[in-house]
Amino acid sequence: MSANVSTILVVEDDDIVRMLIVDVLEELEFKVLEADGSEQALAMLKDSSQHIDLMMTDVGLPGMDGRELATEARKLRPALPILFASGYAESIDVPAGMHVIGKPFSIDQLRDKVTGILNG
C-alpha cells in the first residue's frame, strides 16, 4: 500500500452490510475503519492521531442517526467529507460537503462516488 492511501470510516449498524462495504473499499485499496454506530464512530473521530479522509455513514442508525452523527463529526473535524448511504437517497437534502449514495448501490457506484468525493 502506498503512503497516500485514503482512510474511510464506515459507520453501519448492520454487520453484514458493513462487512460488504468494507470488503469493497478494501478491494479498492482504501484503508477502512469500522464503527457499528455513532458512539464508536465519534470515539474514532475524537482521536486526533487517527487520520480519516471520508466518513461513510448509514442515515438510519439506532440512537444518534447518521445526520446527527454528521453534525457532531463536523464539530470535531470541520472539513471532513461525509457520504450518507440511504434507501431514500432522492428525498434527502444534505448540507454542503456532504454527499448521498442510494441503497442498494453497486460496487462501481460506490467506487465512483468515493473516488469522486476524495478527488473533488
PDB file of N, CA and C in Angstrom:
ATOM      1  N   MET A   1       0.834  -1.203   0.000  1.00  0.00           N
ATOM      2  CA  MET A   1       0.000   0.000   0.000  1.00  0.00           C
ATOM      3  C   MET A   1       0.867   1.250   0.000  1.00  0.00           C
ATOM      4  N   SER A   2       0.491   2.198  -0.810  1.00  0.00           N
ATOM      5  CA  SER A   2       1.263   3.435  -0.854  1.00  0.00           C
ATOM      6  C   SER A   2       0.877   4.316   0.322  1.00  0.00           C
ATOM      7  N   ALA A   3       1.709   5.290   0.591  1.00  0.00           N
ATOM      8  CA  ALA A   3       1.501   6.151   1.750  1.00  0.00           C
ATOM      9  C   ALA A   3       0.285   7.049   1.589  1.00  0.00           C
ATOM     10  N   ASN A   4      -0.126   7.256   0.329  1.00  0.00           N
ATOM     11  CA  ASN A   4      -1.238   8.179   0.136  1.00  0.00           C
ATOM     12  C   ASN A   4      -2.582   7.463   0.012  1.00  0.00           C
ATOM     13  N   VAL A   5      -2.686   6.326   0.686  1.00  0.00           N
ATOM     14  CA  VAL A   5      -3.954   5.602   0.711  1.00  0.00           C
ATOM     15  C   VAL A   5      -4.946   6.400   1.557  1.00  0.00           C
ATOM     16  N   SER A   6      -6.147   6.568   1.046  1.00  0.00           N
ATOM     17  CA  SER A   6      -7.169   7.293   1.801  1.00  0.00           C
ATOM     18  C   SER A   6      -7.804   6.383   2.845  1.00  0.00           C
ATOM     19  N   THR A   7      -8.136   6.968   3.986  1.00  0.00           N
ATOM     20  CA  THR A   7      -8.776   6.223   5.072  1.00  0.00           C
ATOM     21  C   THR A   7     -10.246   6.591   5.144  1.00  0.00           C
ATOM     22  N   ILE A   8     -11.091   5.577   5.126  1.00  0.00           N
ATOM     23  CA  ILE A   8     -12.529   5.788   5.155  1.00  0.00           C
ATOM     24  C   ILE A   8     -13.117   5.155   6.408  1.00  0.00           C
ATOM     25  N   LEU A   9     -13.881   5.934   7.140  1.00  0.00           N
ATOM     26  CA  LEU A   9     -14.582   5.435   8.319  1.00  0.00           C
ATOM     27  C   LEU A   9     -15.992   5.036   7.887  1.00  0.00           C
ATOM     28  N   VAL A  10     -16.308   3.755   8.031  1.00  0.00           N
ATOM     29  CA  VAL A  10     -17.620   3.235   7.638  1.00  0.00           C
ATOM     30  C   VAL A  10     -18.465   3.015   8.897  1.00  0.00           C
ATOM     31  N   VAL A  11     -19.604   3.691   8.948  1.00  0.00           N
ATOM     32  CA  VAL A  11     -20.499   3.580  10.104  1.00  0.00           C
ATOM     33  C   VAL A  11     -21.796   2.926   9.640  1.00  0.00           C
ATOM     34  N   GLU A  12     -22.022   1.722  10.109  1.00  0.00           N
ATOM     35  CA  GLU A  12     -23.187   0.944   9.653  1.00  0.00           C
ATOM     36  C   GLU A  12     -23.524  -0.050  10.745  1.00  0.00           C
ATOM     37  N   ASP A  13     -24.780  -0.039  11.216  1.00  0.00           N
ATOM     38  CA  ASP A  13     -25.138  -0.918  12.331  1.00  0.00           C
ATOM     39  C   ASP A  13     -25.438  -2.348  11.888  1.00  0.00           C
ATOM     40  N   ASP A  14     -25.709  -2.537  10.599  1.00  0.00           N
ATOM     41  CA  ASP A  14     -25.959  -3.894  10.095  1.00  0.00           C
ATOM     42  C   ASP A  14     -24.611  -4.547   9.774  1.00  0.00           C
ATOM     43  N   ASP A  15     -24.254  -5.579  10.556  1.00  0.00           N
ATOM     44  CA  ASP A  15     -22.923  -6.192  10.429  1.00  0.00           C
ATOM     45  C   ASP A  15     -22.636  -6.686   9.011  1.00  0.00           C
ATOM     46  N   ILE A  16     -23.639  -7.285   8.382  1.00  0.00           N
ATOM     47  CA  ILE A  16     -23.422  -7.869   7.052  1.00  0.00           C
ATOM     48  C   ILE A  16     -23.209  -6.776   6.012  1.00  0.00           C
ATOM     49  N   VAL A  17     -24.042  -5.753   6.074  1.00  0.00           N
ATOM     50  CA  VAL A  17     -23.891  -4.637   5.137  1.00  0.00           C
ATOM     51  C   VAL A  17     -22.538  -3.970   5.333  1.00  0.00           C
ATOM     52  N   ARG A  18     -22.177  -3.757   6.612  1.00  0.00           N
ATOM     53  CA  ARG A  18     -20.888  -3.119   6.903  1.00  0.00           C
ATOM     54  C   ARG A  18     -19.746  -3.953   6.355  1.00  0.00           C
ATOM     55  N   MET A  19     -19.815  -5.248   6.551  1.00  0.00           N
ATOM     56  CA  MET A  19     -18.767  -6.145   6.071  1.00  0.00           C
ATOM     57  C   MET A  19     -18.621  -6.048   4.545  1.00  0.00           C
ATOM     58  N   LEU A  20     -19.753  -6.014   3.863  1.00  0.00           N
ATOM     59  CA  LEU A  20     -19.724  -5.921   2.401  1.00  0.00           C
ATOM     60  C   LEU A  20     -19.093  -4.611   1.945  1.00  0.00           C
ATOM     61  N   ILE A  21     -19.486  -3.503   2.577  1.00  0.00           N
ATOM     62  CA  ILE A  21     -18.932  -2.201   2.203  1.00  0.00           C
ATOM     63  C   ILE A  21     -17.433  -2.183   2.470  1.00  0.00           C
ATOM     64  N   VAL A  22     -17.033  -2.689   3.631  1.00  0.00           N
ATOM     65  CA  VAL A  22     -15.612  -2.721   3.994  1.00  0.00           C
ATOM     66  C   VAL A  22     -14.828  -3.562   2.984  1.00  0.00           C
ATOM     67  N   ASP A  23     -15.368  -4.734   2.631  1.00  0.00           N
ATOM     68  CA  ASP A  23     -14.701  -5.596   1.648  1.00  0.00           C
ATOM     69  C   ASP A  23     -14.485  -4.868   0.332  1.00  0.00           C
ATOM     70  N   VAL A  24     -15.524  -4.197  -0.132  1.00  0.00           N
ATOM     71  CA  VAL A  24     -15.434  -3.482  -1.410  1.00  0.00           C
ATOM     72  C   VAL A  24     -14.384  -2.382  -1.333  1.00  0.00           C
ATOM     73  N   LEU A  25     -14.433  -1.584  -0.268  1.00  0.00           N
ATOM     74  CA  LEU A  25     -13.489  -0.472  -0.137  1.00  0.00           C
ATOM     75  C   LEU A  25     -12.053  -0.979  -0.004  1.00  0.00           C
ATOM     76  N   GLU A  26     -11.874  -2.094   0.716  1.00  0.00           N
ATOM     77  CA  GLU A  26     -10.523  -2.645   0.848  1.00  0.00           C
ATOM     78  C   GLU A  26     -10.020  -3.181  -0.485  1.00  0.00           C
ATOM     79  N   GLU A  27     -10.922  -3.783  -1.272  1.00  0.00           N
ATOM     80  CA  GLU A  27     -10.531  -4.243  -2.598  1.00  0.00           C
ATOM     81  C   GLU A  27     -10.114  -3.078  -3.475  1.00  0.00           C
ATOM     82  N   LEU A  28     -10.724  -1.928  -3.250  1.00  0.00           N
ATOM     83  CA  LEU A  28     -10.386  -0.711  -3.993  1.00  0.00           C
ATOM     84  C   LEU A  28      -9.141  -0.037  -3.402  1.00  0.00           C
ATOM     85  N   GLU A  29      -8.537  -0.717  -2.422  1.00  0.00           N
ATOM     86  CA  GLU A  29      -7.275  -0.302  -1.797  1.00  0.00           C
ATOM     87  C   GLU A  29      -7.376   0.936  -0.925  1.00  0.00           C
ATOM     88  N   PHE A  30      -8.528   1.081  -0.283  1.00  0.00           N
ATOM     89  CA  PHE A  30      -8.650   2.107   0.742  1.00  0.00           C
ATOM     90  C   PHE A  30      -8.344   1.462   2.080  1.00  0.00           C
ATOM     91  N   LYS A  31      -7.901   2.278   3.034  1.00  0.00           N
ATOM     92  CA  LYS A  31      -7.789   1.805   4.409  1.00  0.00           C
ATOM     93  C   LYS A  31      -9.156   2.054   5.035  1.00  0.00           C
ATOM     94  N   VAL A  32      -9.695   1.068   5.732  1.00  0.00           N
ATOM     95  CA  VAL A  32     -11.049   1.202   6.261  1.00  0.00           C
ATOM     96  C   VAL A  32     -11.088   1.041   7.773  1.00  0.00           C
ATOM     97  N   LEU A  33     -11.794   1.957   8.412  1.00  0.00           N
ATOM     98  CA  LEU A  33     -12.085   1.852   9.838  1.00  0.00           C
ATOM     99  C   LEU A  33     -13.570   1.540   9.939  1.00  0.00           C
ATOM    100  N   GLU A  34     -13.942   0.714  10.906  1.00  0.00           N
ATOM    101  CA  GLU A  34     -15.346   0.319  11.041  1.00  0.00           C
ATOM    102  C   GLU A  34     -15.920   0.783  12.366  1.00  0.00           C
ATOM    103  N   ALA A  35     -17.173   1.231  12.300  1.00  0.00           N
ATOM    104  CA  ALA A  35     -17.912   1.546  13.524  1.00  0.00           C
ATOM    105  C   ALA A  35     -19.319   0.996  13.365  1.00  0.00           C
ATOM    106  N   ASP A  36     -19.849   0.417  14.448  1.00  0.00           N
ATOM    107  CA  ASP A  36     -21.197  -0.164  14.350  1.00  0.00           C
ATOM    108  C   ASP A  36     -22.270   0.829  14.780  1.00  0.00           C
ATOM    109  N   GLY A  37     -21.872   2.062  15.030  1.00  0.00           N
ATOM    110  CA  GLY A  37     -22.832   3.083  15.414  1.00  0.00           C
ATOM    111  C   GLY A  37     -22.118   4.387  15.726  1.00  0.00           C
ATOM    112  N   SER A  38     -22.906   5.375  16.125  1.00  0.00           N
ATOM    113  CA  SER A  38     -22.380   6.722  16.318  1.00  0.00           C
ATOM    114  C   SER A  38     -21.349   6.827  17.444  1.00  0.00           C
ATOM    115  N   GLU A  39     -21.592   6.109  18.530  1.00  0.00           N
ATOM    116  CA  GLU A  39     -20.653   6.216  19.664  1.00  0.00           C
ATOM    117  C   GLU A  39     -19.257   5.783  19.264  1.00  0.00           C
ATOM    118  N   GLN A  40     -19.191   4.630  18.616  1.00  0.00           N
ATOM    119  CA  GLN A  40     -17.903   4.100  18.176  1.00  0.00           C
ATOM    120  C   GLN A  40     -17.259   5.049  17.160  1.00  0.00           C
ATOM    121  N   ALA A  41     -18.071   5.578  16.259  1.00  0.00           N
ATOM    122  CA  ALA A  41     -17.565   6.490  15.237  1.00  0.00           C
ATOM    123  C   ALA A  41     -17.000   7.762  15.873  1.00  0.00           C
ATOM    124  N   LEU A  42     -17.733   8.326  16.827  1.00  0.00           N
ATOM    125  CA  LEU A  42     -17.278   9.563  17.465  1.00  0.00           C
ATOM    126  C   LEU A  42     -15.993   9.346  18.251  1.00  0.00           C
ATOM    127  N   ALA A  43     -15.851   8.177  18.853  1.00  0.00           N
ATOM    128  CA  ALA A  43     -14.607   7.878  19.569  1.00  0.00           C
ATOM    129  C   ALA A  43     -13.422   7.928  18.602  1.00  0.00           C
ATOM    130  N   MET A  44     -13.606   7.385  17.399  1.00  0.00           N
ATOM    131  CA  MET A  44     -12.531   7.415  16.404  1.00  0.00           C
ATOM    132  C   MET A  44     -12.278   8.834  15.908  1.00  0.00           C
ATOM    133  N   LEU A  45     -13.353   9.582  15.721  1.00  0.00           N
ATOM    134  CA  LEU A  45     -13.215  10.960  15.234  1.00  0.00           C
ATOM    135  C   LEU A  45     -12.527  11.854  16.270  1.00  0.00           C
ATOM    136  N   LYS A  46     -12.729  11.540  17.546  1.00  0.00           N
ATOM    137  CA  LYS A  46     -12.107  12.336  18.613  1.00  0.00           C
ATOM    138  C   LYS A  46     -10.619  12.040  18.751  1.00  0.00           C
ATOM    139  N   ASP A  47     -10.186  10.911  18.215  1.00  0.00           N
ATOM    140  CA  ASP A  47      -8.772  10.523  18.307  1.00  0.00           C
ATOM    141  C   ASP A  47      -7.996  11.284  17.233  1.00  0.00           C
ATOM    142  N   SER A  48      -7.356  12.361  17.651  1.00  0.00           N
ATOM    143  CA  SER A  48      -6.706  13.240  16.672  1.00  0.00           C
ATOM    144  C   SER A  48      -5.527  12.567  15.961  1.00  0.00           C
ATOM    145  N   SER A  49      -5.026  11.464  16.524  1.00  0.00           N
ATOM    146  CA  SER A  49      -3.924  10.768  15.854  1.00  0.00           C
ATOM    147  C   SER A  49      -4.448   9.899  14.706  1.00  0.00           C
ATOM    148  N   GLN A  50      -5.775   9.723  14.653  1.00  0.00           N
ATOM    149  CA  GLN A  50      -6.378   8.863  13.639  1.00  0.00           C
ATOM    150  C   GLN A  50      -6.747   9.689  12.412  1.00  0.00           C
ATOM    151  N   HIS A  51      -6.046   9.426  11.306  1.00  0.00           N
ATOM    152  CA  HIS A  51      -6.324  10.152  10.072  1.00  0.00           C
ATOM    153  C   HIS A  51      -7.575   9.572   9.408  1.00  0.00           C
ATOM    154  N   ILE A  52      -8.507  10.426   9.029  1.00  0.00           N
ATOM    155  CA  ILE A  52      -9.723   9.982   8.333  1.00  0.00           C
ATOM    156  C   ILE A  52      -9.984  10.939   7.171  1.00  0.00           C
ATOM    157  N   ASP A  53     -10.123  10.382   5.968  1.00  0.00           N
ATOM    158  CA  ASP A  53     -10.348  11.211   4.776  1.00  0.00           C
ATOM    159  C   ASP A  53     -11.827  11.359   4.431  1.00  0.00           C
ATOM    160  N   LEU A  54     -12.618  10.380   4.864  1.00  0.00           N
ATOM    161  CA  LEU A  54     -14.038  10.373   4.497  1.00  0.00           C
ATOM    162  C   LEU A  54     -14.794   9.527   5.508  1.00  0.00           C
ATOM    163  N   MET A  55     -15.972   9.999   5.900  1.00  0.00           N
ATOM    164  CA  MET A  55     -16.841   9.172   6.733  1.00  0.00           C
ATOM    165  C   MET A  55     -18.051   8.775   5.896  1.00  0.00           C
ATOM    166  N   MET A  56     -18.274   7.478   5.815  1.00  0.00           N
ATOM    167  CA  MET A  56     -19.454   6.974   5.130  1.00  0.00           C
ATOM    168  C   MET A  56     -20.385   6.430   6.194  1.00  0.00           C
ATOM    169  N   THR A  57     -21.585   6.967   6.273  1.00  0.00           N
ATOM    170  CA  THR A  57     -22.492   6.525   7.324  1.00  0.00           C
ATOM    171  C   THR A  57     -23.884   6.229   6.800  1.00  0.00           C
ATOM    172  N   ASP A  58     -24.488   5.222   7.394  1.00  0.00           N
ATOM    173  CA  ASP A  58     -25.883   4.936   7.121  1.00  0.00           C
ATOM    174  C   ASP A  58     -26.696   6.070   7.748  1.00  0.00           C
ATOM    175  N   VAL A  59     -27.790   6.461   7.109  1.00  0.00           N
ATOM    176  CA  VAL A  59     -28.622   7.508   7.695  1.00  0.00           C
ATOM    177  C   VAL A  59     -29.393   6.951   8.885  1.00  0.00           C
ATOM    178  N   GLY A  60     -29.936   5.737   8.730  1.00  0.00           N
ATOM    179  CA  GLY A  60     -30.778   5.155   9.770  1.00  0.00           C
ATOM    180  C   GLY A  60     -30.015   4.362  10.800  1.00  0.00           C
ATOM    181  N   LEU A  61     -29.265   5.035  11.631  1.00  0.00           N
ATOM    182  CA  LEU A  61     -28.565   4.342  12.722  1.00  0.00           C
ATOM    183  C   LEU A  61     -29.439   4.373  13.969  1.00  0.00           C
ATOM    184  N   PRO A  62     -29.318   3.346  14.814  1.00  0.00           N
ATOM    185  CA  PRO A  62     -30.062   3.388  16.083  1.00  0.00           C
ATOM    186  C   PRO A  62     -29.447   4.435  17.007  1.00  0.00           C
ATOM    187  N   GLY A  63     -30.229   4.994  17.892  1.00  0.00           N
ATOM    188  CA  GLY A  63     -29.706   6.038  18.783  1.00  0.00           C
ATOM    189  C   GLY A  63     -29.515   7.307  17.978  1.00  0.00           C
ATOM    190  N   MET A  64     -28.302   7.827  17.985  1.00  0.00           N
ATOM    191  CA  MET A  64     -27.996   9.014  17.197  1.00  0.00           C
ATOM    192  C   MET A  64     -27.958   8.616  15.723  1.00  0.00           C
ATOM    193  N   ASP A  65     -28.803   9.240  14.900  1.00  0.00           N
ATOM    194  CA  ASP A  65     -28.833   8.841  13.495  1.00  0.00           C
ATOM    195  C   ASP A  65     -27.678   9.454  12.696  1.00  0.00           C
ATOM    196  N   GLY A  66     -27.600   9.080  11.440  1.00  0.00           N
ATOM    197  CA  GLY A  66     -26.475   9.495  10.612  1.00  0.00           C
ATOM    198  C   GLY A  66     -26.329  10.997  10.471  1.00  0.00           C
ATOM    199  N   ARG A  67     -27.483  11.701  10.402  1.00  0.00           N
ATOM    200  CA  ARG A  67     -27.418  13.164  10.278  1.00  0.00           C
ATOM    201  C   ARG A  67     -26.842  13.796  11.535  1.00  0.00           C
ATOM    202  N   GLU A  68     -27.316  13.330  12.678  1.00  0.00           N
ATOM    203  CA  GLU A  68     -26.821  13.863  13.955  1.00  0.00           C
ATOM    204  C   GLU A  68     -25.338  13.543  14.111  1.00  0.00           C
ATOM    205  N   LEU A  69     -24.971  12.332  13.703  1.00  0.00           N
ATOM    206  CA  LEU A  69     -23.567  11.938  13.750  1.00  0.00           C
ATOM    207  C   LEU A  69     -22.734  12.877  12.871  1.00  0.00           C
ATOM    208  N   ALA A  70     -23.240  13.192  11.686  1.00  0.00           N
ATOM    209  CA  ALA A  70     -22.516  14.079  10.768  1.00  0.00           C
ATOM    210  C   ALA A  70     -22.311  15.458  11.398  1.00  0.00           C
ATOM    211  N   THR A  71     -23.344  15.948  12.075  1.00  0.00           N
ATOM    212  CA  THR A  71     -23.250  17.257  12.732  1.00  0.00           C
ATOM    213  C   THR A  71     -22.154  17.239  13.792  1.00  0.00           C
ATOM    214  N   GLU A  72     -22.143  16.166  14.601  1.00  0.00           N
ATOM    215  CA  GLU A  72     -21.114  16.031  15.644  1.00  0.00           C
ATOM    216  C   GLU A  72     -19.725  15.855  15.026  1.00  0.00           C
ATOM    217  N   ALA A  73     -19.672  15.067  13.952  1.00  0.00           N
ATOM    218  CA  ALA A  73     -18.389  14.811  13.282  1.00  0.00           C
ATOM    219  C   ALA A  73     -17.793  16.117  12.773  1.00  0.00           C
ATOM    220  N   ARG A  74     -18.643  16.984  12.238  1.00  0.00           N
ATOM    221  CA  ARG A  74     -18.175  18.258  11.691  1.00  0.00           C
ATOM    222  C   ARG A  74     -17.684  19.209  12.780  1.00  0.00           C
ATOM    223  N   LYS A  75     -18.213  19.045  13.992  1.00  0.00           N
ATOM    224  CA  LYS A  75     -17.709  19.861  15.108  1.00  0.00           C
ATOM    225  C   LYS A  75     -16.273  19.447  15.416  1.00  0.00           C
ATOM    226  N   LEU A  76     -16.018  18.141  15.298  1.00  0.00           N
ATOM    227  CA  LEU A  76     -14.686  17.613  15.598  1.00  0.00           C
ATOM    228  C   LEU A  76     -13.721  17.803  14.431  1.00  0.00           C
ATOM    229  N   ARG A  77     -14.235  17.618  13.236  1.00  0.00           N
ATOM    230  CA  ARG A  77     -13.417  17.694  12.022  1.00  0.00           C
ATOM    231  C   ARG A  77     -14.196  18.478  10.966  1.00  0.00           C
ATOM    232  N   PRO A  78     -14.084  19.799  11.002  1.00  0.00           N
ATOM    233  CA  PRO A  78     -14.924  20.660  10.160  1.00  0.00           C
ATOM    234  C   PRO A  78     -14.821  20.390   8.657  1.00  0.00           C
ATOM    235  N   ALA A  79     -13.689  19.899   8.195  1.00  0.00           N
ATOM    236  CA  ALA A  79     -13.512  19.718   6.750  1.00  0.00           C
ATOM    237  C   ALA A  79     -13.802  18.299   6.268  1.00  0.00           C
ATOM    238  N   LEU A  80     -14.240  17.440   7.183  1.00  0.00           N
ATOM    239  CA  LEU A  80     -14.415  16.025   6.830  1.00  0.00           C
ATOM    240  C   LEU A  80     -15.544  15.824   5.820  1.00  0.00           C
ATOM    241  N   PRO A  81     -15.234  15.225   4.652  1.00  0.00           N
ATOM    242  CA  PRO A  81     -16.323  14.896   3.726  1.00  0.00           C
ATOM    243  C   PRO A  81     -17.151  13.746   4.302  1.00  0.00           C
ATOM    244  N   ILE A  82     -18.449  13.822   4.085  1.00  0.00           N
ATOM    245  CA  ILE A  82     -19.351  12.805   4.627  1.00  0.00           C
ATOM    246  C   ILE A  82     -20.239  12.268   3.520  1.00  0.00           C
ATOM    247  N   LEU A  83     -20.328  10.942   3.466  1.00  0.00           N
ATOM    248  CA  LEU A  83     -21.167  10.268   2.481  1.00  0.00           C
ATOM    249  C   LEU A  83     -22.263   9.512   3.224  1.00  0.00           C
ATOM    250  N   PHE A  84     -23.500   9.873   2.961  1.00  0.00           N
ATOM    251  CA  PHE A  84     -24.633   9.166   3.569  1.00  0.00           C
ATOM    252  C   PHE A  84     -25.077   8.043   2.634  1.00  0.00           C
ATOM    253  N   ALA A  85     -25.363   6.889   3.213  1.00  0.00           N
ATOM    254  CA  ALA A  85     -25.968   5.799   2.450  1.00  0.00           C
ATOM    255  C   ALA A  85     -27.412   5.706   2.910  1.00  0.00           C
ATOM    256  N   SER A  86     -28.333   5.726   1.943  1.00  0.00           N
ATOM    257  CA  SER A  86     -29.734   5.707   2.321  1.00  0.00           C
ATOM    258  C   SER A  86     -30.592   5.038   1.274  1.00  0.00           C
ATOM    259  N   GLY A  87     -31.591   4.321   1.737  1.00  0.00           N
ATOM    260  CA  GLY A  87     -32.555   3.733   0.834  1.00  0.00           C
ATOM    261  C   GLY A  87     -33.508   4.775   0.263  1.00  0.00           C
ATOM    262  N   TYR A  88     -33.419   5.982   0.801  1.00  0.00           N
ATOM    263  CA  TYR A  88     -34.312   7.057   0.356  1.00  0.00           C
ATOM    264  C   TYR A  88     -33.486   8.241  -0.111  1.00  0.00           C
ATOM    265  N   ALA A  89     -32.460   7.960  -0.896  1.00  0.00           N
ATOM    266  CA  ALA A  89     -31.471   8.982  -1.260  1.00  0.00           C
ATOM    267  C   ALA A  89     -32.091  10.208  -1.920  1.00  0.00           C
ATOM    268  N   GLU A  90     -33.085   9.968  -2.770  1.00  0.00           N
ATOM    269  CA  GLU A  90     -33.614  11.098  -3.536  1.00  0.00           C
ATOM    270  C   GLU A  90     -34.386  12.080  -2.662  1.00  0.00           C
ATOM    271  N   SER A  91     -34.764  11.657  -1.464  1.00  0.00           N
ATOM    272  CA  SER A  91     -35.561  12.547  -0.614  1.00  0.00           C
ATOM    273  C   SER A  91     -34.717  13.218   0.471  1.00  0.00           C
ATOM    274  N   ILE A  92     -33.404  13.098   0.368  1.00  0.00           N
ATOM    275  CA  ILE A  92     -32.552  13.660   1.421  1.00  0.00           C
ATOM    276  C   ILE A  92     -31.862  14.931   0.947  1.00  0.00           C
ATOM    277  N   ASP A  93     -31.991  15.970   1.740  1.00  0.00           N
ATOM    278  CA  ASP A  93     -31.220  17.190   1.485  1.00  0.00           C
ATOM    279  C   ASP A  93     -29.994  17.119   2.367  1.00  0.00           C
ATOM    280  N   VAL A  94     -28.829  17.295   1.776  1.00  0.00           N
ATOM    281  CA  VAL A  94     -27.629  17.237   2.601  1.00  0.00           C
ATOM    282  C   VAL A  94     -26.897  18.573   2.558  1.00  0.00           C
ATOM    283  N   PRO A  95     -26.284  18.927   3.681  1.00  0.00           N
ATOM    284  CA  PRO A  95     -25.523  20.174   3.747  1.00  0.00           C
ATOM    285  C   PRO A  95     -24.308  20.133   2.822  1.00  0.00           C
ATOM    286  N   ALA A  96     -23.716  21.275   2.596  1.00  0.00           N
ATOM    287  CA  ALA A  96     -22.526  21.381   1.746  1.00  0.00           C
ATOM    288  C   ALA A  96     -21.425  20.459   2.250  1.00  0.00           C
ATOM    289  N   GLY A  97     -20.719  19.852   1.328  1.00  0.00           N
ATOM    290  CA  GLY A  97     -19.611  18.970   1.697  1.00  0.00           C
ATOM    291  C   GLY A  97     -20.075  17.594   2.111  1.00  0.00           C
ATOM    292  N   MET A  98     -21.382  17.352   1.997  1.00  0.00           N
ATOM    293  CA  MET A  98     -21.907  16.035   2.310  1.00  0.00           C
ATOM    294  C   MET A  98     -22.572  15.470   1.056  1.00  0.00           C
ATOM    295  N   HIS A  99     -22.549  14.180   0.939  1.00  0.00           N
ATOM    296  CA  HIS A  99     -22.988  13.510  -0.278  1.00  0.00           C
ATOM    297  C   HIS A  99     -23.899  12.346   0.083  1.00  0.00           C
ATOM    298  N   VAL A 100     -24.641  11.863  -0.909  1.00  0.00           N
ATOM    299  CA  VAL A 100     -25.562  10.745  -0.663  1.00  0.00           C
ATOM    300  C   VAL A 100     -25.376   9.680  -1.735  1.00  0.00           C
ATOM    301  N   ILE A 101     -25.404   8.431  -1.318  1.00  0.00           N
ATOM    302  CA  ILE A 101     -25.465   7.324  -2.272  1.00  0.00           C
ATOM    303  C   ILE A 101     -26.700   6.504  -1.907  1.00  0.00           C
ATOM    304  N   GLY A 102     -27.484   6.148  -2.918  1.00  0.00           N
ATOM    305  CA  GLY A 102     -28.708   5.398  -2.654  1.00  0.00           C
ATOM    306  C   GLY A 102     -28.427   3.926  -2.452  1.00  0.00           C
ATOM    307  N   LYS A 103     -29.122   3.340  -1.492  1.00  0.00           N
ATOM    308  CA  LYS A 103     -29.027   1.888  -1.291  1.00  0.00           C
ATOM    309  C   LYS A 103     -30.168   1.228  -2.047  1.00  0.00           C
ATOM    310  N   PRO A 104     -29.988   0.076  -2.642  1.00  0.00           N
ATOM    311  CA  PRO A 104     -28.694  -0.615  -2.742  1.00  0.00           C
ATOM    312  C   PRO A 104     -27.838   0.020  -3.827  1.00  0.00           C
ATOM    313  N   PHE A 105     -26.528  -0.039  -3.653  1.00  0.00           N
ATOM    314  CA  PHE A 105     -25.628   0.511  -4.659  1.00  0.00           C
ATOM    315  C   PHE A 105     -24.708  -0.583  -5.157  1.00  0.00           C
ATOM    316  N   SER A 106     -24.223  -0.408  -6.374  1.00  0.00           N
ATOM    317  CA  SER A 106     -23.279  -1.386  -6.927  1.00  0.00           C
ATOM    318  C   SER A 106     -21.863  -1.033  -6.488  1.00  0.00           C
ATOM    319  N   ILE A 107     -20.969  -1.973  -6.664  1.00  0.00           N
ATOM    320  CA  ILE A 107     -19.562  -1.748  -6.354  1.00  0.00           C
ATOM    321  C   ILE A 107     -19.036  -0.566  -7.175  1.00  0.00           C
ATOM    322  N   ASP A 108     -19.429  -0.524  -8.453  1.00  0.00           N
ATOM    323  CA  ASP A 108     -18.967   0.568  -9.323  1.00  0.00           C
ATOM    324  C   ASP A 108     -19.485   1.918  -8.830  1.00  0.00           C
ATOM    325  N   GLN A 109     -20.750   1.946  -8.431  1.00  0.00           N
ATOM    326  CA  GLN A 109     -21.318   3.205  -7.935  1.00  0.00           C
ATOM    327  C   GLN A 109     -20.587   3.673  -6.682  1.00  0.00           C
ATOM    328  N   LEU A 110     -20.306   2.724  -5.791  1.00  0.00           N
ATOM    329  CA  LEU A 110     -19.612   3.072  -4.558  1.00  0.00           C
ATOM    330  C   LEU A 110     -18.215   3.592  -4.872  1.00  0.00           C
ATOM    331  N   ARG A 111     -17.509   2.882  -5.753  1.00  0.00           N
ATOM    332  CA  ARG A 111     -16.157   3.305  -6.121  1.00  0.00           C
ATOM    333  C   ARG A 111     -16.174   4.717  -6.729  1.00  0.00           C
ATOM    334  N   ASP A 112     -17.082   4.927  -7.675  1.00  0.00           N
ATOM    335  CA  ASP A 112     -17.144   6.218  -8.362  1.00  0.00           C
ATOM    336  C   ASP A 112     -17.475   7.349  -7.392  1.00  0.00           C
ATOM    337  N   LYS A 113     -18.407   7.069  -6.490  1.00  0.00           N
ATOM    338  CA  LYS A 113     -18.829   8.089  -5.531  1.00  0.00           C
ATOM    339  C   LYS A 113     -17.673   8.442  -4.593  1.00  0.00           C
ATOM    340  N   VAL A 114     -17.036   7.424  -4.044  1.00  0.00           N
ATOM    341  CA  VAL A 114     -15.958   7.644  -3.081  1.00  0.00           C
ATOM    342  C   VAL A 114     -14.766   8.337  -3.737  1.00  0.00           C
ATOM    343  N   THR A 115     -14.358   7.842  -4.915  1.00  0.00           N
ATOM    344  CA  THR A 115     -13.205   8.474  -5.572  1.00  0.00           C
ATOM    345  C   THR A 115     -13.551   9.892  -6.004  1.00  0.00           C
ATOM    346  N   GLY A 116     -14.802  10.093  -6.424  1.00  0.00           N
ATOM    347  CA  GLY A 116     -15.227  11.441  -6.805  1.00  0.00           C
ATOM    348  C   GLY A 116     -15.140  12.418  -5.651  1.00  0.00           C
ATOM    349  N   ILE A 117     -15.573  11.979  -4.482  1.00  0.00           N
ATOM    350  CA  ILE A 117     -15.529  12.833  -3.296  1.00  0.00           C
ATOM    351  C   ILE A 117     -14.083  13.116  -2.890  1.00  0.00           C
ATOM    352  N   LEU A 118     -13.266  12.067  -2.860  1.00  0.00           N
ATOM    353  CA  LEU A 118     -11.884  12.213  -2.401  1.00  0.00           C
ATOM    354  C   LEU A 118     -11.052  13.034  -3.379  1.00  0.00           C
ATOM    355  N   ASN A 119     -11.380  12.946  -4.669  1.00  0.00           N
ATOM    356  CA  ASN A 119     -10.617  13.703  -5.661  1.00  0.00           C
ATOM    357  C   ASN A 119     -11.199  15.077  -5.901  1.00  0.00           C
ATOM    358  N   GLY A 120     -12.423  15.273  -5.384  1.00  0.00           N
ATOM    359  CA  GLY A 120     -13.115  16.534  -5.597  1.00  0.00           C
ATOM    360  C   GLY A 120     -12.463  17.651  -4.825  1.00  0.00           C
TER     361      GLY A 120
END
